[in-house]
């Protein structure tokens, strides 16, 4: 008897959560779209990356893309040797 009550309660809880998930999905705002002649706000995209070779070197870098023209406006790459950023042990 107890397992039936627990199972029923669990299934009802899942059903309610799925209903609320569907409800929120239906009320969600539409996606934004670009407008012709809009200002330069949000024009640039900045991306950064890091790579560890598992050895003695680590690489980091970034690049900035102008999303209007598609050109890379700035980029940098750095190589860090092992021990360069090690935290001293007490």
C-alpha atoms as a PDB file:
ATOM      1  CA  UNK A   1       0.000   0.000   0.000  1.00  0.00           C
ATOM      2  CA  UNK A   2       2.764   2.426   0.947  1.00  0.00           C
ATOM      3  CA  UNK A   3       4.724   1.820  -2.266  1.00  0.00           C
ATOM      4  CA  UNK A   4       1.586   2.493  -4.324  1.00  0.00           C
ATOM      5  CA  UNK A   5       1.059   5.854  -2.575  1.00  0.00           C
ATOM      6  CA  UNK A   6       4.711   6.826  -3.047  1.00  0.00           C
ATOM      7  CA  UNK A   7       4.634   5.782  -6.719  1.00  0.00           C
ATOM      8  CA  UNK A   8       1.402   7.680  -7.337  1.00  0.00           C
ATOM      9  CA  UNK A   9       2.747  10.793  -5.613  1.00  0.00           C
ATOM     10  CA  UNK A  10       5.980  10.580  -7.612  1.00  0.00           C
ATOM     11  CA  UNK A  11       4.150  10.241 -10.923  1.00  0.00           C
ATOM     12  CA  UNK A  12       1.889  13.202 -10.095  1.00  0.00           C
ATOM     13  CA  UNK A  13       4.929  15.292  -9.140  1.00  0.00           C
ATOM     14  CA  UNK A  14       6.612  14.448 -12.453  1.00  0.00           C
ATOM     15  CA  UNK A  15       3.421  15.270 -14.376  1.00  0.00           C
ATOM     16  CA  UNK A  16       3.091  18.666 -12.655  1.00  0.00           C
ATOM     17  CA  UNK A  17       6.748  19.518 -13.340  1.00  0.00           C
ATOM     18  CA  UNK A  18       6.388  18.544 -17.000  1.00  0.00           C
ATOM     19  CA  UNK A  19       3.250  20.692 -17.266  1.00  0.00           C
ATOM     20  CA  UNK A  20       5.059  23.715 -15.798  1.00  0.00           C
ATOM     21  CA  UNK A  21       7.993  23.103 -18.138  1.00  0.00           C
ATOM     22  CA  UNK A  22       5.633  23.114 -21.133  1.00  0.00           C
ATOM     23  CA  UNK A  23       3.841  26.197 -19.796  1.00  0.00           C
ATOM     24  CA  UNK A  24       7.102  28.146 -19.435  1.00  0.00           C
ATOM     25  CA  UNK A  25       8.223  27.020 -22.919  1.00  0.00           C
ATOM     26  CA  UNK A  26       4.987  28.320 -24.478  1.00  0.00           C
ATOM     27  CA  UNK A  27       5.314  31.705 -22.734  1.00  0.00           C
ATOM     28  CA  UNK A  28       8.964  32.142 -23.678  1.00  0.00           C
ATOM     29  CA  UNK A  29       9.805  35.241 -25.738  1.00  0.00           C
ATOM     30  CA  UNK A  30      10.701  34.918 -29.404  1.00  0.00           C
ATOM     31  CA  UNK A  31      14.329  34.998 -30.447  1.00  0.00           C
ATOM     32  CA  UNK A  32      15.879  38.340 -31.262  1.00  0.00           C
ATOM     33  CA  UNK A  33      16.760  39.245 -34.820  1.00  0.00           C
ATOM     34  CA  UNK A  34      19.140  41.821 -36.207  1.00  0.00           C
ATOM     35  CA  UNK A  35      17.701  45.066 -37.486  1.00  0.00           C
ATOM     36  CA  UNK A  36      19.044  46.938 -40.462  1.00  0.00           C
ATOM     37  CA  UNK A  37      20.580  50.259 -39.471  1.00  0.00           C
ATOM     38  CA  UNK A  38      20.899  49.296 -35.801  1.00  0.00           C
ATOM     39  CA  UNK A  39      23.628  50.910 -33.726  1.00  0.00           C
ATOM     40  CA  UNK A  40      26.989  49.258 -33.068  1.00  0.00           C
ATOM     41  CA  UNK A  41      25.911  47.901 -29.667  1.00  0.00           C
ATOM     42  CA  UNK A  42      26.779  44.223 -29.495  1.00  0.00           C
ATOM     43  CA  UNK A  43      28.871  44.456 -32.632  1.00  0.00           C
ATOM     44  CA  UNK A  44      31.930  42.590 -31.360  1.00  0.00           C
ATOM     45  CA  UNK A  45      32.334  39.010 -30.164  1.00  0.00           C
ATOM     46  CA  UNK A  46      35.226  38.120 -27.864  1.00  0.00           C
ATOM     47  CA  UNK A  47      36.397  34.509 -27.622  1.00  0.00           C
ATOM     48  CA  UNK A  48      39.218  33.112 -25.524  1.00  0.00           C
ATOM     49  CA  UNK A  49      40.842  29.709 -25.396  1.00  0.00           C
ATOM     50  CA  UNK A  50      43.442  27.697 -23.494  1.00  0.00           C
ATOM     51  CA  UNK A  51      45.326  24.503 -24.309  1.00  0.00           C
ATOM     52  CA  UNK A  52      47.420  22.253 -22.116  1.00  0.00           C
ATOM     53  CA  UNK A  53      49.751  19.880 -23.905  1.00  0.00           C
ATOM     54  CA  UNK A  54      50.214  17.757 -20.813  1.00  0.00           C
ATOM     55  CA  UNK A  55      53.894  18.562 -20.930  1.00  0.00           C
ATOM     56  CA  UNK A  56      55.861  21.651 -20.078  1.00  0.00           C
ATOM     57  CA  UNK A  57      53.907  24.235 -22.091  1.00  0.00           C
ATOM     58  CA  UNK A  58      50.449  25.754 -21.905  1.00  0.00           C
ATOM     59  CA  UNK A  59      48.923  27.993 -24.537  1.00  0.00           C
ATOM     60  CA  UNK A  60      46.318  30.750 -24.123  1.00  0.00           C
ATOM     61  CA  UNK A  61      44.843  33.256 -26.492  1.00  0.00           C
ATOM     62  CA  UNK A  62      41.904  35.338 -27.547  1.00  0.00           C
ATOM     63  CA  UNK A  63      40.407  36.939 -30.593  1.00  0.00           C
ATOM     64  CA  UNK A  64      37.850  39.677 -31.206  1.00  0.00           C
ATOM     65  CA  UNK A  65      35.537  39.432 -34.219  1.00  0.00           C
ATOM     66  CA  UNK A  66      33.588  42.298 -35.759  1.00  0.00           C
ATOM     67  CA  UNK A  67      30.224  40.596 -36.312  1.00  0.00           C
ATOM     68  CA  UNK A  68      29.177  43.150 -38.922  1.00  0.00           C
ATOM     69  CA  UNK A  69      32.096  42.630 -41.310  1.00  0.00           C
ATOM     70  CA  UNK A  70      33.273  39.198 -40.142  1.00  0.00           C
ATOM     71  CA  UNK A  71      36.870  40.408 -39.773  1.00  0.00           C
ATOM     72  CA  UNK A  72      39.137  39.617 -36.832  1.00  0.00           C
ATOM     73  CA  UNK A  73      39.932  42.980 -35.238  1.00  0.00           C
ATOM     74  CA  UNK A  74      42.344  41.776 -32.534  1.00  0.00           C
ATOM     75  CA  UNK A  75      44.011  38.518 -31.535  1.00  0.00           C
ATOM     76  CA  UNK A  76      46.780  37.275 -29.271  1.00  0.00           C
ATOM     77  CA  UNK A  77      48.477  33.993 -28.386  1.00  0.00           C
ATOM     78  CA  UNK A  78      50.789  33.338 -25.440  1.00  0.00           C
ATOM     79  CA  UNK A  79      52.933  30.355 -24.458  1.00  0.00           C
ATOM     80  CA  UNK A  80      53.428  29.686 -20.741  1.00  0.00           C
ATOM     81  CA  UNK A  81      56.261  27.422 -19.605  1.00  0.00           C
ATOM     82  CA  UNK A  82      55.831  25.029 -16.691  1.00  0.00           C
ATOM     83  CA  UNK A  83      56.318  26.730 -13.336  1.00  0.00           C
ATOM     84  CA  UNK A  84      55.486  30.197 -14.603  1.00  0.00           C
ATOM     85  CA  UNK A  85      52.137  30.297 -12.802  1.00  0.00           C
ATOM     86  CA  UNK A  86      52.819  27.811  -9.997  1.00  0.00           C
ATOM     87  CA  UNK A  87      51.475  28.832  -6.598  1.00  0.00           C
ATOM     88  CA  UNK A  88      54.088  28.637  -3.821  1.00  0.00           C
ATOM     89  CA  UNK A  89      53.460  25.826  -1.330  1.00  0.00           C
ATOM     90  CA  UNK A  90      53.587  26.611   2.407  1.00  0.00           C
END
